[in-house]
N, C-alpha and C. Protein backbone atom coordinates (compact mmCIF):
# COMPACT_ATOMS: atom_id res chain seq x y z
N MET A 1 48.10 -120.42 116.96
CA MET A 1 48.68 -121.54 116.28
C MET A 1 47.52 -121.91 115.20
N ILE A 2 48.05 -122.08 114.00
CA ILE A 2 47.24 -122.35 112.73
C ILE A 2 47.15 -123.90 112.83
N THR A 3 46.05 -124.52 112.61
CA THR A 3 46.14 -125.90 112.67
C THR A 3 45.21 -126.27 111.36
N LEU A 4 45.31 -127.45 110.73
CA LEU A 4 44.81 -128.28 109.73
C LEU A 4 43.20 -128.18 109.84
N GLU A 5 42.97 -128.40 111.14
CA GLU A 5 41.43 -128.38 111.46
C GLU A 5 40.83 -127.00 111.27
N HIS A 6 41.45 -126.13 111.51
CA HIS A 6 40.99 -124.61 111.48
C HIS A 6 40.95 -124.21 110.21
N ILE A 7 41.96 -124.54 109.44
CA ILE A 7 41.72 -124.39 107.88
C ILE A 7 40.66 -124.91 107.28
N ARG A 8 40.68 -126.32 107.60
CA ARG A 8 39.52 -126.96 106.81
C ARG A 8 38.25 -126.35 107.07
N HIS A 9 38.07 -126.19 108.18
CA HIS A 9 36.66 -125.44 108.53
C HIS A 9 36.34 -124.00 107.88
N ALA A 10 37.62 -123.32 107.86
CA ALA A 10 37.40 -121.91 107.42
C ALA A 10 37.32 -122.07 105.67
N VAL A 11 37.88 -122.92 105.05
CA VAL A 11 37.83 -122.74 103.57
C VAL A 11 36.51 -123.33 103.04
N ALA A 12 35.88 -124.15 103.99
CA ALA A 12 34.92 -124.87 103.73
C ALA A 12 33.54 -124.10 103.75
N SER A 13 33.84 -122.82 104.25
CA SER A 13 32.60 -122.06 104.41
C SER A 13 32.79 -120.74 103.09
N VAL A 14 33.89 -121.18 102.42
CA VAL A 14 34.26 -120.19 100.88
C VAL A 14 33.07 -120.76 99.86
N ARG A 15 31.94 -119.95 99.41
CA ARG A 15 31.40 -120.30 98.32
C ARG A 15 32.17 -120.23 97.06
N HIS A 16 32.04 -121.51 96.47
CA HIS A 16 32.55 -121.86 95.25
C HIS A 16 31.52 -122.03 94.18
N ASP A 17 31.34 -121.20 93.12
CA ASP A 17 30.52 -121.16 91.92
C ASP A 17 31.12 -121.57 90.56
N GLY A 18 31.61 -123.16 90.82
CA GLY A 18 31.77 -123.46 89.64
C GLY A 18 31.00 -123.10 88.36
N ALA A 19 29.63 -123.32 88.54
CA ALA A 19 28.68 -123.15 87.55
C ALA A 19 29.28 -121.87 86.41
N SER A 20 30.14 -120.85 86.82
CA SER A 20 30.57 -119.69 86.11
C SER A 20 31.51 -120.33 85.22
N PHE A 21 32.27 -121.34 85.68
CA PHE A 21 33.39 -121.70 84.62
C PHE A 21 33.20 -122.23 83.26
N GLU A 22 33.91 -121.71 82.38
CA GLU A 22 33.85 -122.16 81.02
C GLU A 22 35.22 -122.60 80.75
N SER A 23 35.39 -123.71 80.06
CA SER A 23 37.13 -124.09 79.85
C SER A 23 37.51 -123.18 78.52
N HIS A 24 38.14 -122.36 79.08
CA HIS A 24 38.73 -121.32 78.20
C HIS A 24 40.17 -120.95 78.76
N PRO A 25 41.24 -120.56 77.63
CA PRO A 25 42.58 -120.00 78.42
C PRO A 25 42.41 -119.05 79.09
N ARG A 26 41.43 -117.95 79.45
CA ARG A 26 40.99 -117.08 80.27
C ARG A 26 40.77 -117.21 81.52
N HIS A 27 40.57 -118.51 81.83
CA HIS A 27 40.53 -119.11 83.36
C HIS A 27 41.68 -119.69 83.65
N ALA A 28 42.20 -119.62 84.97
CA ALA A 28 43.41 -120.28 85.28
C ALA A 28 43.03 -120.99 86.84
N ALA A 29 43.50 -121.79 87.34
CA ALA A 29 43.46 -122.34 88.70
C ALA A 29 44.85 -122.81 89.19
N VAL A 30 45.06 -122.51 90.43
CA VAL A 30 46.35 -122.96 91.18
C VAL A 30 45.86 -123.68 92.57
N ALA A 31 46.57 -124.43 92.81
CA ALA A 31 46.57 -125.40 94.13
C ALA A 31 47.59 -124.73 95.16
N MET A 32 46.94 -124.49 96.46
CA MET A 32 47.61 -124.12 97.47
C MET A 32 47.66 -125.46 98.44
N ILE A 33 48.85 -126.03 98.24
CA ILE A 33 49.03 -127.52 98.79
C ILE A 33 49.81 -127.27 100.45
N LEU A 34 49.26 -128.14 101.22
CA LEU A 34 49.43 -128.07 102.54
C LEU A 34 50.03 -129.32 103.03
N ALA A 35 50.95 -129.58 103.99
CA ALA A 35 51.41 -130.62 104.26
C ALA A 35 51.85 -130.69 105.77
N PRO A 36 51.62 -131.80 106.49
CA PRO A 36 52.06 -131.75 107.85
C PRO A 36 53.88 -131.57 107.72
N GLY A 37 54.51 -130.71 108.50
CA GLY A 37 55.98 -130.90 108.67
C GLY A 37 56.56 -131.32 110.22
N ASP A 38 57.69 -131.33 110.32
CA ASP A 38 58.14 -131.70 111.52
C ASP A 38 57.70 -130.90 112.58
N GLN A 39 57.43 -129.63 112.44
CA GLN A 39 57.21 -128.72 113.47
C GLN A 39 56.01 -127.73 113.19
N ASP A 40 55.58 -127.78 111.95
CA ASP A 40 54.51 -126.85 111.37
C ASP A 40 54.04 -127.36 110.23
N ILE A 41 52.54 -126.76 109.83
CA ILE A 41 52.09 -127.09 108.47
C ILE A 41 53.15 -126.68 107.24
N GLU A 42 53.31 -127.07 106.31
CA GLU A 42 54.07 -126.40 105.35
C GLU A 42 53.26 -126.11 103.94
N VAL A 43 53.82 -125.03 103.31
CA VAL A 43 53.04 -124.76 102.05
C VAL A 43 54.06 -124.85 100.79
N CYS A 44 53.46 -125.54 99.65
CA CYS A 44 54.23 -125.80 98.62
C CYS A 44 54.07 -124.69 97.72
N PHE A 45 55.56 -124.44 97.21
CA PHE A 45 55.71 -123.41 96.10
C PHE A 45 56.40 -123.84 95.10
N ILE A 46 56.25 -123.02 93.95
CA ILE A 46 57.19 -123.47 92.82
C ILE A 46 57.91 -122.17 92.26
N ARG A 47 59.06 -122.25 91.80
CA ARG A 47 59.78 -121.20 91.22
C ARG A 47 59.72 -121.49 89.56
N ARG A 48 59.11 -120.49 88.91
CA ARG A 48 58.90 -120.81 87.68
C ARG A 48 60.23 -120.52 86.94
N ALA A 49 60.39 -121.38 85.69
CA ALA A 49 61.66 -121.05 85.03
C ALA A 49 61.76 -119.79 84.33
N GLU A 50 62.92 -119.29 84.03
CA GLU A 50 63.08 -118.02 83.06
C GLU A 50 62.85 -118.43 81.77
N ARG A 51 61.83 -117.56 81.45
CA ARG A 51 61.39 -117.78 79.89
C ARG A 51 61.03 -116.46 79.39
N ALA A 52 61.68 -116.23 78.14
CA ALA A 52 61.46 -115.14 77.30
C ALA A 52 59.95 -114.98 76.92
N GLY A 53 59.31 -114.05 77.34
CA GLY A 53 57.87 -113.60 76.88
C GLY A 53 56.94 -114.25 77.97
N ASP A 54 57.22 -114.92 78.85
CA ASP A 54 56.56 -115.34 79.89
C ASP A 54 56.19 -114.15 81.07
N PRO A 55 55.13 -113.82 81.42
CA PRO A 55 54.95 -112.47 82.27
C PRO A 55 55.14 -112.98 83.66
N TRP A 56 55.26 -114.18 83.87
CA TRP A 56 55.43 -115.02 85.43
C TRP A 56 56.81 -115.43 85.26
N SER A 57 57.67 -115.26 84.35
CA SER A 57 58.91 -115.75 84.28
C SER A 57 60.01 -115.58 85.61
N GLY A 58 60.23 -116.65 86.06
CA GLY A 58 61.34 -116.55 87.19
C GLY A 58 60.59 -116.33 88.94
N GLN A 59 59.17 -116.12 88.55
CA GLN A 59 58.60 -115.65 89.81
C GLN A 59 58.30 -116.85 90.80
N VAL A 60 57.83 -116.72 91.88
CA VAL A 60 57.49 -117.71 92.72
C VAL A 60 56.00 -118.02 92.63
N ALA A 61 55.43 -119.07 92.74
CA ALA A 61 53.98 -119.16 92.57
C ALA A 61 53.53 -120.61 92.99
N PHE A 62 51.99 -120.76 93.26
CA PHE A 62 51.71 -121.95 93.39
C PHE A 62 51.50 -122.93 92.01
N PRO A 63 51.61 -124.31 92.33
CA PRO A 63 51.31 -125.05 91.13
C PRO A 63 49.99 -124.72 90.25
N GLY A 64 49.86 -124.49 89.01
CA GLY A 64 48.67 -124.32 88.55
C GLY A 64 48.97 -123.75 87.15
N GLY A 65 47.89 -123.38 86.46
CA GLY A 65 48.03 -122.75 85.09
C GLY A 65 46.62 -122.69 84.39
N ARG A 66 46.80 -122.54 83.25
CA ARG A 66 45.34 -122.18 82.43
C ARG A 66 44.49 -123.36 82.12
N ALA A 67 43.16 -123.13 81.99
CA ALA A 67 42.24 -124.08 81.59
C ALA A 67 42.60 -124.46 80.09
N SER A 68 42.31 -125.99 79.87
CA SER A 68 42.32 -126.52 78.53
C SER A 68 40.86 -126.81 78.22
N ALA A 69 40.83 -127.37 77.07
CA ALA A 69 39.38 -127.79 76.67
C ALA A 69 38.77 -129.06 77.15
N SER A 70 39.90 -129.72 77.90
CA SER A 70 39.50 -131.07 78.46
C SER A 70 39.07 -130.82 79.92
N ASP A 71 39.36 -129.88 80.57
CA ASP A 71 38.95 -129.45 81.90
C ASP A 71 37.47 -129.35 82.08
N PRO A 72 36.96 -130.01 82.94
CA PRO A 72 35.50 -129.92 83.18
C PRO A 72 35.20 -128.66 84.27
N ASP A 73 36.17 -128.59 85.31
CA ASP A 73 35.66 -127.49 86.18
C ASP A 73 37.32 -126.94 86.66
N PRO A 74 37.06 -125.70 87.36
CA PRO A 74 38.34 -125.18 87.62
C PRO A 74 39.46 -126.08 88.68
N GLN A 75 38.80 -127.05 89.44
CA GLN A 75 39.66 -127.83 90.50
C GLN A 75 40.13 -128.92 89.64
N ALA A 76 39.73 -129.05 88.34
CA ALA A 76 40.35 -130.27 87.31
C ALA A 76 41.40 -129.57 86.77
N VAL A 77 41.45 -128.08 86.86
CA VAL A 77 42.70 -127.34 85.95
C VAL A 77 43.76 -127.31 87.13
N ALA A 78 43.44 -127.05 88.29
CA ALA A 78 44.54 -127.04 89.50
C ALA A 78 45.28 -128.47 89.54
N GLU A 79 44.44 -129.46 89.46
CA GLU A 79 44.78 -130.83 89.86
C GLU A 79 45.60 -131.26 88.53
N ARG A 80 45.34 -130.87 87.37
CA ARG A 80 46.17 -131.41 86.04
C ARG A 80 47.34 -130.75 85.91
N GLU A 81 47.24 -129.56 86.35
CA GLU A 81 48.49 -128.62 86.29
C GLU A 81 49.45 -128.91 87.40
N THR A 82 48.96 -129.44 88.39
CA THR A 82 49.97 -129.79 89.42
C THR A 82 50.55 -131.07 89.07
N TRP A 83 50.08 -131.84 88.56
CA TRP A 83 50.55 -133.28 88.09
C TRP A 83 51.63 -132.87 87.03
N GLU A 84 51.20 -132.14 86.02
CA GLU A 84 52.20 -131.91 84.89
C GLU A 84 53.34 -131.28 85.54
N GLU A 85 53.15 -130.30 86.40
CA GLU A 85 54.46 -129.56 86.90
C GLU A 85 55.27 -130.24 87.84
N ILE A 86 54.61 -130.68 88.80
CA ILE A 86 55.22 -131.12 90.08
C ILE A 86 55.14 -132.61 90.34
N GLY A 87 54.35 -133.40 89.48
CA GLY A 87 54.11 -134.90 89.82
C GLY A 87 53.44 -135.33 90.87
N LEU A 88 52.44 -134.40 91.54
CA LEU A 88 51.89 -134.66 92.68
C LEU A 88 50.47 -134.99 92.35
N THR A 89 49.96 -136.33 92.56
CA THR A 89 48.49 -136.60 92.14
C THR A 89 47.53 -135.95 93.25
N LEU A 90 46.53 -135.10 93.08
CA LEU A 90 45.66 -134.55 93.96
C LEU A 90 44.27 -135.20 93.64
N ASP A 91 43.80 -135.87 94.55
CA ASP A 91 42.42 -136.53 94.81
C ASP A 91 41.61 -135.95 95.52
N PRO A 92 40.39 -136.36 95.39
CA PRO A 92 39.04 -135.79 96.17
C PRO A 92 39.39 -135.73 97.68
N GLN A 93 40.28 -136.83 98.13
CA GLN A 93 40.53 -136.90 99.58
C GLN A 93 41.60 -135.73 100.01
N HIS A 94 42.18 -135.22 99.08
CA HIS A 94 43.00 -134.12 99.32
C HIS A 94 42.45 -132.77 99.26
N ARG A 95 41.15 -132.61 98.90
CA ARG A 95 40.93 -131.28 98.71
C ARG A 95 39.94 -130.67 100.08
N MET A 96 40.43 -129.61 100.36
CA MET A 96 39.78 -128.91 101.73
C MET A 96 38.88 -128.12 101.41
N GLY A 97 39.02 -127.29 100.28
CA GLY A 97 38.15 -126.30 99.85
C GLY A 97 38.87 -125.23 98.73
N ALA A 98 37.86 -124.02 98.72
CA ALA A 98 38.36 -123.03 97.85
C ALA A 98 38.61 -121.79 98.41
N LEU A 99 39.42 -120.97 97.84
CA LEU A 99 39.70 -119.45 98.10
C LEU A 99 38.80 -118.62 97.37
N PRO A 100 38.50 -117.31 97.52
CA PRO A 100 37.80 -116.59 96.54
C PRO A 100 38.50 -116.36 95.28
N MET A 101 37.57 -116.43 94.34
CA MET A 101 38.18 -116.21 92.69
C MET A 101 38.60 -114.96 92.55
N ARG A 102 39.65 -114.67 91.93
CA ARG A 102 40.18 -113.45 91.70
C ARG A 102 40.31 -113.19 90.04
N LEU A 103 40.16 -111.70 89.91
CA LEU A 103 40.23 -111.23 88.60
C LEU A 103 41.53 -110.61 88.54
N ILE A 104 42.41 -111.23 87.42
CA ILE A 104 43.60 -110.59 87.48
C ILE A 104 43.48 -109.50 86.51
N GLU A 105 44.04 -108.23 86.93
CA GLU A 105 44.04 -107.07 86.05
C GLU A 105 45.30 -106.33 86.40
N HIS A 106 46.10 -106.70 85.33
CA HIS A 106 47.89 -106.05 85.41
C HIS A 106 47.91 -105.29 84.01
N ASN A 107 47.83 -105.95 82.98
CA ASN A 107 48.12 -105.17 81.60
C ASN A 107 47.21 -105.76 80.72
N THR A 108 47.01 -105.21 79.27
CA THR A 108 46.40 -105.89 78.31
C THR A 108 46.71 -107.39 78.02
N GLN A 109 47.92 -107.61 78.16
CA GLN A 109 48.06 -109.08 77.98
C GLN A 109 47.53 -110.15 79.09
N ARG A 110 47.07 -109.70 80.20
CA ARG A 110 46.66 -110.68 81.11
C ARG A 110 45.31 -109.98 81.46
N SER A 111 44.57 -109.09 80.97
CA SER A 111 43.14 -108.85 81.23
C SER A 111 42.28 -109.63 80.89
N GLY A 112 41.24 -109.74 81.84
CA GLY A 112 39.96 -110.77 81.67
C GLY A 112 40.57 -111.96 82.08
N LEU A 113 41.49 -112.32 82.44
CA LEU A 113 41.88 -113.64 83.14
C LEU A 113 41.47 -113.70 84.69
N THR A 114 40.81 -114.88 84.88
CA THR A 114 40.41 -115.27 86.33
C THR A 114 41.11 -116.29 86.73
N LEU A 115 41.32 -116.03 88.19
CA LEU A 115 42.11 -117.31 88.90
C LEU A 115 41.11 -117.89 89.93
N TRP A 116 41.25 -119.17 89.92
CA TRP A 116 40.57 -119.90 90.83
C TRP A 116 41.48 -120.50 91.72
N PRO A 117 41.67 -120.32 92.92
CA PRO A 117 42.62 -120.88 93.84
C PRO A 117 41.87 -122.02 94.80
N PHE A 118 42.62 -123.20 94.95
CA PHE A 118 41.82 -124.03 95.99
C PHE A 118 43.06 -124.62 96.94
N VAL A 119 42.54 -125.18 98.06
CA VAL A 119 43.31 -125.54 99.16
C VAL A 119 43.40 -127.13 99.30
N TYR A 120 44.43 -127.60 99.44
CA TYR A 120 44.70 -129.35 99.19
C TYR A 120 45.49 -129.40 100.92
N CYS A 121 45.46 -130.79 101.26
CA CYS A 121 46.35 -131.13 102.22
C CYS A 121 46.78 -132.55 101.70
N VAL A 122 48.14 -132.84 101.84
CA VAL A 122 48.62 -134.17 101.41
C VAL A 122 49.58 -134.51 102.50
N GLY A 123 49.62 -135.97 102.53
CA GLY A 123 50.58 -136.28 103.64
C GLY A 123 52.05 -136.67 103.19
N PRO A 124 52.83 -137.14 103.95
CA PRO A 124 54.24 -137.15 103.87
C PRO A 124 54.69 -137.98 102.58
N ILE A 125 54.09 -138.84 102.13
CA ILE A 125 54.20 -139.61 101.12
C ILE A 125 54.24 -138.80 99.70
N GLU A 126 52.66 -138.13 99.46
CA GLU A 126 52.63 -137.38 98.70
C GLU A 126 53.88 -136.32 98.59
N ARG A 127 53.84 -135.82 99.79
CA ARG A 127 54.90 -134.52 99.76
C ARG A 127 56.20 -134.88 98.93
N ALA A 128 56.64 -135.87 99.32
CA ALA A 128 57.93 -136.46 98.94
C ALA A 128 58.23 -136.84 97.34
N GLN A 129 57.09 -136.73 96.84
CA GLN A 129 56.66 -136.95 95.15
C GLN A 129 56.88 -135.62 94.65
N ALA A 130 56.66 -134.56 95.33
CA ALA A 130 56.66 -133.20 94.37
C ALA A 130 58.01 -132.71 94.06
N THR A 131 58.08 -132.92 92.81
CA THR A 131 59.57 -132.44 92.24
C THR A 131 59.50 -131.87 90.83
N ALA A 132 60.20 -130.82 90.31
CA ALA A 132 59.92 -130.21 89.17
C ALA A 132 60.04 -131.17 88.18
N ARG A 133 58.88 -131.27 87.10
CA ARG A 133 58.86 -132.41 86.20
C ARG A 133 58.99 -131.65 84.74
N LEU A 134 58.80 -130.27 84.80
CA LEU A 134 58.90 -129.67 83.47
C LEU A 134 59.94 -128.39 83.61
N PRO A 135 61.30 -128.83 83.39
CA PRO A 135 62.28 -127.74 83.62
C PRO A 135 62.07 -126.59 82.65
N ALA A 136 61.48 -126.70 81.65
CA ALA A 136 61.24 -125.40 80.77
C ALA A 136 60.28 -124.66 81.37
N GLU A 137 59.36 -125.28 82.37
CA GLU A 137 58.36 -124.38 83.11
C GLU A 137 58.65 -124.02 84.46
N VAL A 138 59.01 -125.04 85.20
CA VAL A 138 59.42 -125.18 86.50
C VAL A 138 60.91 -125.29 86.87
N ALA A 139 61.29 -124.26 87.67
CA ALA A 139 62.97 -124.32 88.09
C ALA A 139 62.97 -125.41 89.24
N SER A 140 62.02 -124.89 90.09
CA SER A 140 62.33 -125.80 91.73
C SER A 140 61.05 -125.75 92.30
N VAL A 141 60.89 -126.72 93.15
CA VAL A 141 59.85 -126.88 94.14
C VAL A 141 60.24 -126.68 95.58
N PHE A 142 59.80 -125.98 96.33
CA PHE A 142 60.20 -125.89 97.75
C PHE A 142 59.02 -125.44 98.81
N TRP A 143 59.10 -125.88 100.15
CA TRP A 143 57.97 -125.76 101.18
C TRP A 143 58.45 -124.74 101.90
N VAL A 144 57.41 -124.03 102.33
CA VAL A 144 57.53 -123.13 103.70
C VAL A 144 56.82 -123.08 104.68
N PRO A 145 57.26 -123.34 105.97
CA PRO A 145 56.37 -123.18 107.24
C PRO A 145 55.40 -122.33 107.42
N ILE A 146 54.07 -122.52 107.57
CA ILE A 146 53.18 -121.51 107.26
C ILE A 146 53.48 -120.26 108.29
N ARG A 147 53.82 -120.71 109.37
CA ARG A 147 54.07 -119.49 110.39
C ARG A 147 55.07 -118.41 109.69
N HIS A 148 56.14 -119.02 108.82
CA HIS A 148 56.70 -118.14 108.23
C HIS A 148 56.11 -116.88 107.11
N LEU A 149 55.03 -117.52 106.78
CA LEU A 149 54.07 -116.53 105.90
C LEU A 149 53.39 -115.52 106.58
N PHE A 150 53.24 -115.65 107.95
CA PHE A 150 52.63 -114.71 108.94
C PHE A 150 53.69 -113.95 109.73
N ASP A 151 54.80 -114.12 109.48
CA ASP A 151 55.86 -113.56 110.34
C ASP A 151 56.34 -112.12 109.92
N ALA A 152 56.11 -111.03 110.57
CA ALA A 152 56.44 -109.69 110.24
C ALA A 152 57.65 -109.53 109.95
N SER A 153 58.66 -110.31 110.33
CA SER A 153 60.11 -110.28 110.28
C SER A 153 60.54 -110.68 108.77
N ALA A 154 59.50 -111.37 108.25
CA ALA A 154 59.82 -112.07 106.71
C ALA A 154 59.57 -111.06 105.76
N VAL A 155 58.83 -110.07 106.16
CA VAL A 155 58.29 -108.99 105.08
C VAL A 155 59.36 -108.28 104.47
N THR A 156 59.41 -108.03 103.08
CA THR A 156 60.40 -107.36 102.49
C THR A 156 59.89 -106.80 101.31
N GLU A 157 60.41 -105.91 100.51
CA GLU A 157 60.00 -105.22 99.07
C GLU A 157 60.80 -106.08 98.00
N TYR A 158 60.23 -105.80 96.93
CA TYR A 158 60.65 -106.51 95.50
C TYR A 158 60.62 -105.65 94.80
N ALA A 159 61.74 -105.39 94.08
CA ALA A 159 61.87 -104.47 92.71
C ALA A 159 61.54 -105.16 91.48
N TYR A 160 60.53 -104.93 90.80
CA TYR A 160 60.39 -105.35 89.62
C TYR A 160 59.64 -104.31 88.56
N PRO A 161 60.31 -104.22 87.28
CA PRO A 161 61.22 -105.44 86.91
C PRO A 161 62.66 -104.87 87.36
N GLN A 162 63.59 -105.66 87.40
CA GLN A 162 64.98 -105.23 87.73
C GLN A 162 65.30 -104.03 87.13
N GLY A 163 66.25 -103.22 87.81
CA GLY A 163 66.83 -102.02 87.05
C GLY A 163 66.58 -100.82 87.50
N VAL A 164 66.90 -99.55 86.65
CA VAL A 164 66.87 -98.29 87.37
C VAL A 164 65.19 -97.78 87.50
N THR A 165 64.53 -98.50 86.73
CA THR A 165 63.07 -97.97 86.66
C THR A 165 62.19 -98.96 87.16
N ALA A 166 62.56 -99.90 87.98
CA ALA A 166 61.87 -100.84 88.71
C ALA A 166 60.90 -100.10 89.99
N SER A 167 59.81 -101.00 90.05
CA SER A 167 58.87 -100.41 91.07
C SER A 167 59.06 -101.39 92.28
N THR A 168 58.72 -101.17 93.30
CA THR A 168 58.71 -101.84 94.60
C THR A 168 57.31 -102.52 94.97
N PHE A 169 57.53 -103.60 95.37
CA PHE A 169 56.21 -104.32 95.76
C PHE A 169 56.34 -105.07 97.15
N PRO A 170 55.36 -105.26 97.85
CA PRO A 170 55.67 -106.00 98.98
C PRO A 170 55.84 -107.24 98.67
N GLY A 171 56.58 -108.06 99.69
CA GLY A 171 56.78 -109.34 99.38
C GLY A 171 56.98 -110.21 100.75
N ILE A 172 57.35 -111.48 100.80
CA ILE A 172 57.91 -112.39 101.72
C ILE A 172 59.04 -112.91 101.33
N GLU A 173 59.96 -112.81 102.25
CA GLU A 173 61.37 -113.30 101.87
C GLU A 173 61.51 -114.58 102.77
N PHE A 174 62.03 -115.82 101.82
CA PHE A 174 62.33 -116.96 102.25
C PHE A 174 63.55 -117.61 101.62
N GLY A 175 64.67 -117.56 102.34
CA GLY A 175 65.84 -117.85 101.61
C GLY A 175 66.03 -116.99 100.26
N GLU A 176 66.34 -117.71 99.13
CA GLU A 176 66.71 -116.87 98.04
C GLU A 176 65.42 -116.49 97.26
N HIS A 177 64.26 -116.98 97.81
CA HIS A 177 62.95 -116.70 97.15
C HIS A 177 62.40 -115.37 97.93
N VAL A 178 61.24 -114.82 96.78
CA VAL A 178 60.65 -113.75 97.40
C VAL A 178 59.34 -113.98 96.96
N ILE A 179 58.17 -114.24 97.73
CA ILE A 179 56.86 -114.32 97.31
C ILE A 179 56.09 -113.02 97.37
N TRP A 180 55.57 -112.68 96.11
CA TRP A 180 55.07 -111.54 95.88
C TRP A 180 54.09 -111.49 94.89
N GLY A 181 53.37 -110.15 94.55
CA GLY A 181 52.49 -110.17 93.30
C GLY A 181 51.14 -111.04 93.63
N LEU A 182 50.95 -111.71 92.63
CA LEU A 182 49.71 -112.42 92.54
C LEU A 182 49.55 -113.66 93.75
N THR A 183 50.85 -114.19 93.86
CA THR A 183 50.69 -115.31 94.90
C THR A 183 50.76 -114.66 96.28
N LEU A 184 51.38 -113.62 96.45
CA LEU A 184 50.94 -112.93 97.62
C LEU A 184 49.55 -112.40 97.87
N ARG A 185 48.91 -112.05 96.89
CA ARG A 185 47.44 -111.63 96.99
C ARG A 185 46.67 -113.09 97.42
N VAL A 186 46.94 -114.15 96.84
CA VAL A 186 46.31 -115.31 97.15
C VAL A 186 46.40 -115.63 98.59
N LEU A 187 47.61 -115.54 99.08
CA LEU A 187 47.97 -115.71 100.40
C LEU A 187 47.32 -114.82 101.23
N ALA A 188 47.04 -113.52 100.82
CA ALA A 188 46.15 -112.62 101.69
C ALA A 188 44.75 -113.12 101.66
N SER A 189 44.01 -113.55 100.64
CA SER A 189 42.91 -114.18 100.69
C SER A 189 42.65 -115.11 101.45
N PHE A 190 43.91 -116.00 101.62
CA PHE A 190 43.90 -117.29 102.66
C PHE A 190 43.79 -116.61 103.99
N ALA A 191 44.55 -115.53 104.32
CA ALA A 191 44.62 -115.17 105.60
C ALA A 191 43.42 -114.56 106.02
N GLU A 192 42.58 -113.71 105.18
CA GLU A 192 41.46 -113.38 105.37
C GLU A 192 40.31 -114.31 105.73
N VAL A 193 40.28 -115.59 104.90
CA VAL A 193 39.65 -116.49 105.15
C VAL A 193 39.67 -117.29 106.67
N ILE A 194 40.80 -117.28 106.87
CA ILE A 194 41.28 -118.20 108.22
C ILE A 194 41.25 -117.26 109.30
N GLN A 195 40.95 -115.85 109.07
CA GLN A 195 40.92 -114.62 109.79
C GLN A 195 42.31 -114.59 110.77
N ARG A 196 43.45 -114.47 109.89
CA ARG A 196 44.62 -114.18 110.59
C ARG A 196 45.18 -113.00 110.15
N GLU A 197 45.74 -112.07 110.85
CA GLU A 197 46.57 -110.59 110.55
C GLU A 197 47.44 -111.18 109.37
N PHE A 198 47.76 -110.63 108.27
CA PHE A 198 48.67 -110.77 107.23
C PHE A 198 49.68 -109.59 107.05
N PRO A 199 50.91 -109.59 107.59
CA PRO A 199 51.62 -108.53 107.83
C PRO A 199 52.15 -107.87 106.62
N ALA A 200 52.46 -108.94 105.57
CA ALA A 200 52.99 -108.65 104.32
C ALA A 200 52.18 -107.53 103.53
N LEU A 201 50.86 -107.48 103.77
CA LEU A 201 49.90 -106.25 103.14
C LEU A 201 49.03 -105.69 104.25
N THR A 202 49.70 -105.34 105.36
CA THR A 202 49.13 -104.65 106.62
C THR A 202 49.72 -103.54 106.53
């Protein structure tokens, strides 16, 4: 069983070198937000709105986005974007730690982008505040029991882009949603940090 105490201890050991951060659009940060559920820890995800020209259009993601000139550090990026996207205020008391920074390499449009993931834990009141505030950017907010993310029976394949020339990628199915791509890789980093097998990428 994965507990909040275990997660807190594990992510606290991840070295976070914020000194290398410069407030620039080539940096992005996301918040992996945990909350105690009725029977399990739950993880917050968003489904991005369908938007022409957006490389992440319609995909499942963590709340987050690119740095702005006013962001002093990557955690500030994750916390500002979380508030803007789902109306949830993340304070220092909610911070659990960091996950390893990732270099995003996909195509020329995204080359050179670095992603800084952070882990937070909120209570029931804060959890209830999470809702899509920017319909043009976020279509919905949903929570997934953490054990589901490590359930081999939830592993699936996702075809992208849709159509006859689509390539298939590993993913985790949850209702109408499929968690795949960059978000899945962040979850894989989380699994490695907490030392749990991750069936979706095994």
